Amino acid sequence: MNTRDTRNSPTMMGRRRFLISSASAVAWLAAGGLSGIAQSPPPQVLPPLPYVENGLEPFITAKTIGFHYGKHHKGYLDNLNKLIAGTEYADLSLEKIIAGTAGRAEKTAIFNNAAQTWNHTFYWKSMRPKGGGEPPAELKQKMDASFGGVDACKKELVSAAVSQFGSGWAWLVLEGDKLKVVKTANADNPLTTGMKPLLVIDVWEHAYYLEHQNRRADYVNAVLDTLINWEFALQNAG
């Protein structure tokens, strides 16, 4: 029987080199391969929801969240990434994209998709499970000074949300040192007019139609009474 040590034979050494080089190639490809650009993340990434999909039930169901977040919100972001690829907006924040395209007819598509991406992310944060109730004391003081009380502030938010013709948004904003309620149509938001958004209610029909059909007021009141995130508003006011 041949007991010659073949570990250092040309054949075995060549096999070891092949295995080492193959493992290195696999690691290299996993890290980006021939072109790291192809493996890099897109300029804008869909942020995770701040709660589980059924976290707002029964007033906003997991089915609505699945379509609204997983289809509408993601769709705006995917469209935006296609529109800005290779442009001067590719590496900018959403806020800078919005500021750079607002009011420019030739950039309407970019603005609409950037603003809708931003608006939706802000909307998800404007709600929380077991929300509503009394605002924090500091925010309540601001409401007292600006509206005459919490109920008056909520009444203005309901009025703005319900009276918005067609699709749009109802916002609680800070302008200077005063709270205001404003409404915007379609993709518009208060960033373009120098106001500071504190929270928002989405009144596009896809936000509420599966649960509330044409009863927009029921949806708006449910958000304000049971889901609104007053702490988020106070954080933004700081």
Protein backbone atom coordinates (compact mmCIF):
# COMPACT_ATOMS: atom_id res chain seq x y z
CA MET A 1 0.00 0.00 0.00
CA ASN A 2 1.28 3.46 -0.92
CA THR A 3 1.67 5.54 2.25
CA ARG A 4 3.32 8.54 0.61
CA ASP A 5 2.18 11.87 2.15
CA THR A 6 0.32 13.70 -0.60
CA ARG A 7 -0.62 16.78 1.42
CA ASN A 8 2.07 18.84 -0.26
CA SER A 9 1.70 17.35 -3.71
CA PRO A 10 1.01 19.78 -6.59
CA THR A 11 -2.48 18.33 -6.91
CA MET A 12 -3.41 18.86 -3.24
CA MET A 13 -1.79 22.29 -3.11
CA GLY A 14 -3.68 23.32 -6.21
CA ARG A 15 -6.94 22.08 -4.69
CA ARG A 16 -6.32 24.05 -1.50
CA ARG A 17 -5.60 27.20 -3.48
CA PHE A 18 -8.80 26.65 -5.46
CA LEU A 19 -10.87 26.24 -2.29
CA ILE A 20 -9.33 29.32 -0.66
CA SER A 21 -9.82 31.44 -3.76
CA SER A 22 -13.41 30.20 -4.13
CA ALA A 23 -14.22 31.10 -0.52
CA SER A 24 -12.69 34.53 -1.04
CA ALA A 25 -14.72 35.03 -4.19
CA VAL A 26 -17.93 34.14 -2.38
CA ALA A 27 -17.14 36.61 0.40
CA TRP A 28 -16.22 39.27 -2.15
CA LEU A 29 -19.47 38.79 -4.06
CA ALA A 30 -21.45 38.94 -0.82
CA ALA A 31 -19.79 42.26 -0.06
CA GLY A 32 -20.67 43.74 -3.44
CA GLY A 33 -19.14 41.62 -6.14
CA LEU A 34 -17.95 43.13 -9.38
CA SER A 35 -19.81 46.37 -8.76
CA GLY A 36 -20.62 47.55 -5.25
CA ILE A 37 -22.96 50.10 -6.83
CA ALA A 38 -25.34 47.35 -7.88
CA GLN A 39 -25.52 46.10 -4.30
CA SER A 40 -25.83 49.47 -2.57
CA PRO A 41 -29.16 50.46 -1.00
CA PRO A 42 -31.43 52.92 -2.82
CA PRO A 43 -31.19 56.62 -1.88
CA GLN A 44 -34.43 56.50 0.09
CA VAL A 45 -35.46 53.55 2.23
CA LEU A 46 -38.91 52.70 3.58
CA PRO A 47 -38.76 53.20 7.36
CA PRO A 48 -40.36 50.54 9.56
CA LEU A 49 -43.75 51.16 11.10
CA PRO A 50 -43.51 52.36 14.71
CA TYR A 51 -45.93 49.56 15.74
CA VAL A 52 -47.14 46.19 14.48
CA GLU A 53 -49.63 46.17 11.61
CA ASN A 54 -52.59 45.38 13.88
CA GLY A 55 -51.46 47.85 16.54
CA LEU A 56 -54.14 50.42 15.68
CA GLU A 57 -57.09 48.02 15.61
CA PRO A 58 -60.06 48.13 15.67
CA PHE A 59 -60.15 51.70 14.31
CA ILE A 60 -57.51 51.11 11.62
CA THR A 61 -57.11 47.44 10.78
CA ALA A 62 -54.06 45.45 9.76
CA LYS A 63 -55.62 45.07 6.30
CA THR A 64 -55.73 48.82 5.81
CA ILE A 65 -52.17 49.20 7.16
CA GLY A 66 -51.00 46.45 4.82
CA PHE A 67 -52.35 48.25 1.76
CA HIS A 68 -51.65 51.79 2.95
CA TYR A 69 -48.11 51.24 4.18
CA GLY A 70 -47.10 48.25 2.06
CA LYS A 71 -48.58 49.47 -1.25
CA HIS A 72 -49.28 53.22 -1.24
CA HIS A 73 -46.39 54.44 0.94
CA LYS A 74 -43.90 52.00 -0.58
CA GLY A 75 -45.16 52.87 -4.06
CA TYR A 76 -44.41 56.57 -3.58
CA LEU A 77 -40.92 55.74 -2.32
CA ASP A 78 -40.19 53.32 -5.17
CA ASN A 79 -41.37 55.89 -7.73
CA LEU A 80 -39.23 58.56 -6.11
CA ASN A 81 -36.09 56.43 -6.25
CA LYS A 82 -36.67 55.83 -9.97
CA LEU A 83 -37.27 59.53 -10.64
CA ILE A 84 -34.18 60.81 -8.80
CA ALA A 85 -31.70 58.14 -9.90
CA GLY A 86 -28.76 59.87 -11.55
CA THR A 87 -30.07 63.38 -10.80
CA GLU A 88 -28.94 66.13 -8.46
CA TYR A 89 -31.56 64.88 -5.96
CA ALA A 90 -30.20 61.33 -5.69
CA ASP A 91 -28.27 61.87 -2.45
CA LEU A 92 -30.45 64.52 -0.82
CA SER A 93 -32.76 64.13 2.18
CA LEU A 94 -36.51 64.11 1.59
CA GLU A 95 -36.78 67.57 3.11
CA LYS A 96 -34.21 68.98 0.67
CA ILE A 97 -35.87 67.25 -2.27
CA ILE A 98 -39.22 68.75 -1.28
CA ALA A 99 -37.71 72.22 -0.86
CA GLY A 100 -35.88 71.99 -4.19
CA THR A 101 -38.88 70.86 -6.24
CA ALA A 102 -41.86 72.67 -4.64
CA GLY A 103 -43.63 74.99 -7.07
CA ARG A 104 -41.57 73.86 -10.07
CA ALA A 105 -43.90 72.48 -12.73
CA GLU A 106 -41.16 70.45 -14.41
CA LYS A 107 -40.39 68.72 -11.08
CA THR A 108 -43.99 67.97 -10.09
CA ALA A 109 -43.58 64.19 -10.22
CA ILE A 110 -40.51 64.27 -7.99
CA PHE A 111 -42.17 66.66 -5.55
CA ASN A 112 -45.38 64.61 -5.33
CA ASN A 113 -43.58 61.35 -4.62
CA ALA A 114 -41.08 62.90 -2.20
CA ALA A 115 -43.76 64.80 -0.28
CA GLN A 116 -46.09 61.81 -0.14
CA THR A 117 -43.25 59.63 1.16
CA TRP A 118 -42.49 62.22 3.86
CA ASN A 119 -46.16 62.81 4.72
CA HIS A 120 -46.84 59.12 5.22
CA THR A 121 -43.83 58.55 7.45
CA PHE A 122 -44.97 61.53 9.54
CA TYR A 123 -48.56 60.21 9.63
CA TRP A 124 -47.56 56.82 11.03
CA LYS A 125 -45.66 58.55 13.82
CA SER A 126 -48.63 60.83 14.52
CA MET A 127 -50.53 57.82 15.89
CA ARG A 128 -49.80 55.17 18.49
CA PRO A 129 -51.66 52.28 20.11
CA LYS A 130 -53.74 53.53 23.05
CA GLY A 131 -53.21 57.11 22.01
CA GLY A 132 -55.54 60.07 22.41
CA GLY A 133 -56.47 61.24 25.88
CA GLU A 134 -55.02 64.32 27.54
CA PRO A 135 -52.00 65.94 25.86
CA PRO A 136 -48.83 66.46 27.92
CA ALA A 137 -49.00 69.56 30.12
CA GLU A 138 -46.61 71.63 28.00
CA LEU A 139 -48.55 70.93 24.80
CA LYS A 140 -51.84 71.55 26.59
CA GLN A 141 -50.57 74.99 27.62
CA LYS A 142 -49.80 75.79 24.00
CA MET A 143 -53.28 74.63 22.96
CA ASP A 144 -54.86 76.78 25.65
CA ALA A 145 -52.92 79.81 24.46
CA SER A 146 -53.56 79.24 20.75
CA PHE A 147 -57.08 77.77 20.63
CA GLY A 148 -58.59 78.32 24.05
CA GLY A 149 -58.30 74.66 25.06
CA VAL A 150 -57.72 71.07 23.95
CA ASP A 151 -61.32 70.55 22.81
CA ALA A 152 -61.17 73.67 20.66
CA CYS A 153 -57.95 72.44 19.06
CA LYS A 154 -59.46 69.03 18.33
CA LYS A 155 -62.58 70.68 16.92
CA GLU A 156 -60.44 72.66 14.46
CA LEU A 157 -58.57 69.51 13.44
CA VAL A 158 -61.86 67.69 12.80
CA SER A 159 -63.20 70.63 10.81
CA ALA A 160 -60.06 70.87 8.66
CA ALA A 161 -59.93 67.12 8.03
CA VAL A 162 -63.62 66.71 7.21
CA SER A 163 -63.89 69.84 5.06
CA GLN A 164 -60.81 69.09 2.95
CA PHE A 165 -62.29 68.61 -0.52
CA GLY A 166 -60.95 65.44 -2.09
CA SER A 167 -57.63 63.99 -1.00
CA GLY A 168 -55.32 65.70 1.45
CA TRP A 169 -54.11 66.18 5.00
CA ALA A 170 -55.06 68.02 8.22
CA TRP A 171 -52.07 69.30 10.20
CA LEU A 172 -51.32 70.70 13.61
CA VAL A 173 -48.41 73.07 13.03
CA LEU A 174 -46.28 75.60 14.82
CA GLU A 175 -45.90 78.99 13.18
CA GLY A 176 -43.61 81.17 15.22
CA ASP A 177 -44.72 80.51 18.79
CA LYS A 178 -48.37 79.87 17.92
CA LEU A 179 -50.13 76.59 17.16
CA LYS A 180 -52.34 76.49 14.06
CA VAL A 181 -54.45 73.96 12.19
CA VAL A 182 -54.03 73.89 8.41
CA LYS A 183 -55.11 71.57 5.64
CA THR A 184 -53.30 70.73 2.42
CA ALA A 185 -54.44 69.03 -0.77
CA ASN A 186 -52.91 66.00 -2.41
CA ALA A 187 -49.14 65.87 -1.64
CA ASP A 188 -48.69 69.40 -0.29
CA ASN A 189 -47.37 69.89 3.23
CA PRO A 190 -46.54 72.81 5.55
CA LEU A 191 -42.79 72.51 5.05
CA THR A 192 -43.13 74.47 1.81
CA THR A 193 -44.61 77.50 3.61
CA GLY A 194 -42.20 77.67 6.52
CA MET A 195 -44.49 76.13 9.14
CA LYS A 196 -43.34 73.35 11.46
CA PRO A 197 -45.53 70.21 11.34
CA LEU A 198 -46.38 68.69 14.73
CA LEU A 199 -48.77 65.93 13.66
CA VAL A 200 -51.02 65.06 10.74
CA ILE A 201 -54.21 63.16 9.86
CA ASP A 202 -54.34 61.57 6.42
CA VAL A 203 -57.72 62.07 4.73
CA TRP A 204 -57.02 60.34 1.45
CA GLU A 205 -59.79 57.76 1.08
CA HIS A 206 -57.39 54.81 1.16
CA ALA A 207 -56.55 55.78 4.77
CA TYR A 208 -60.00 54.94 6.08
CA TYR A 209 -62.34 53.49 3.47
CA LEU A 210 -62.08 49.80 4.37
CA GLU A 211 -63.28 50.47 7.94
CA HIS A 212 -65.34 53.65 7.65
CA GLN A 213 -66.37 53.84 3.98
CA ASN A 214 -67.58 57.41 3.30
CA ARG A 215 -67.77 58.31 7.01
CA ARG A 216 -64.63 60.41 7.13
CA ALA A 217 -65.74 62.16 10.31
CA ASP A 218 -65.95 58.82 12.17
CA TYR A 219 -62.38 58.02 11.18
CA VAL A 220 -61.06 61.47 12.12
CA ASN A 221 -62.77 61.41 15.53
CA ALA A 222 -61.49 57.88 16.17
CA VAL A 223 -57.92 59.00 15.42
CA LEU A 224 -58.18 62.02 17.73
CA ASP A 225 -59.93 60.17 20.55
CA THR A 226 -58.00 56.90 20.57
CA LEU A 227 -54.86 57.00 18.39
CA ILE A 228 -53.35 60.48 18.16
CA ASN A 229 -49.81 60.72 19.48
CA TRP A 230 -49.71 63.94 21.48
CA GLU A 231 -46.21 63.11 22.74
CA PHE A 232 -44.95 63.10 19.16
CA ALA A 233 -46.49 66.54 18.63
CA LEU A 234 -44.80 67.88 21.76
CA GLN A 235 -41.47 66.40 20.66
CA ASN A 236 -41.77 68.20 17.31
CA ALA A 237 -42.71 71.47 19.02
CA GLY A 238 -39.48 71.47 21.03
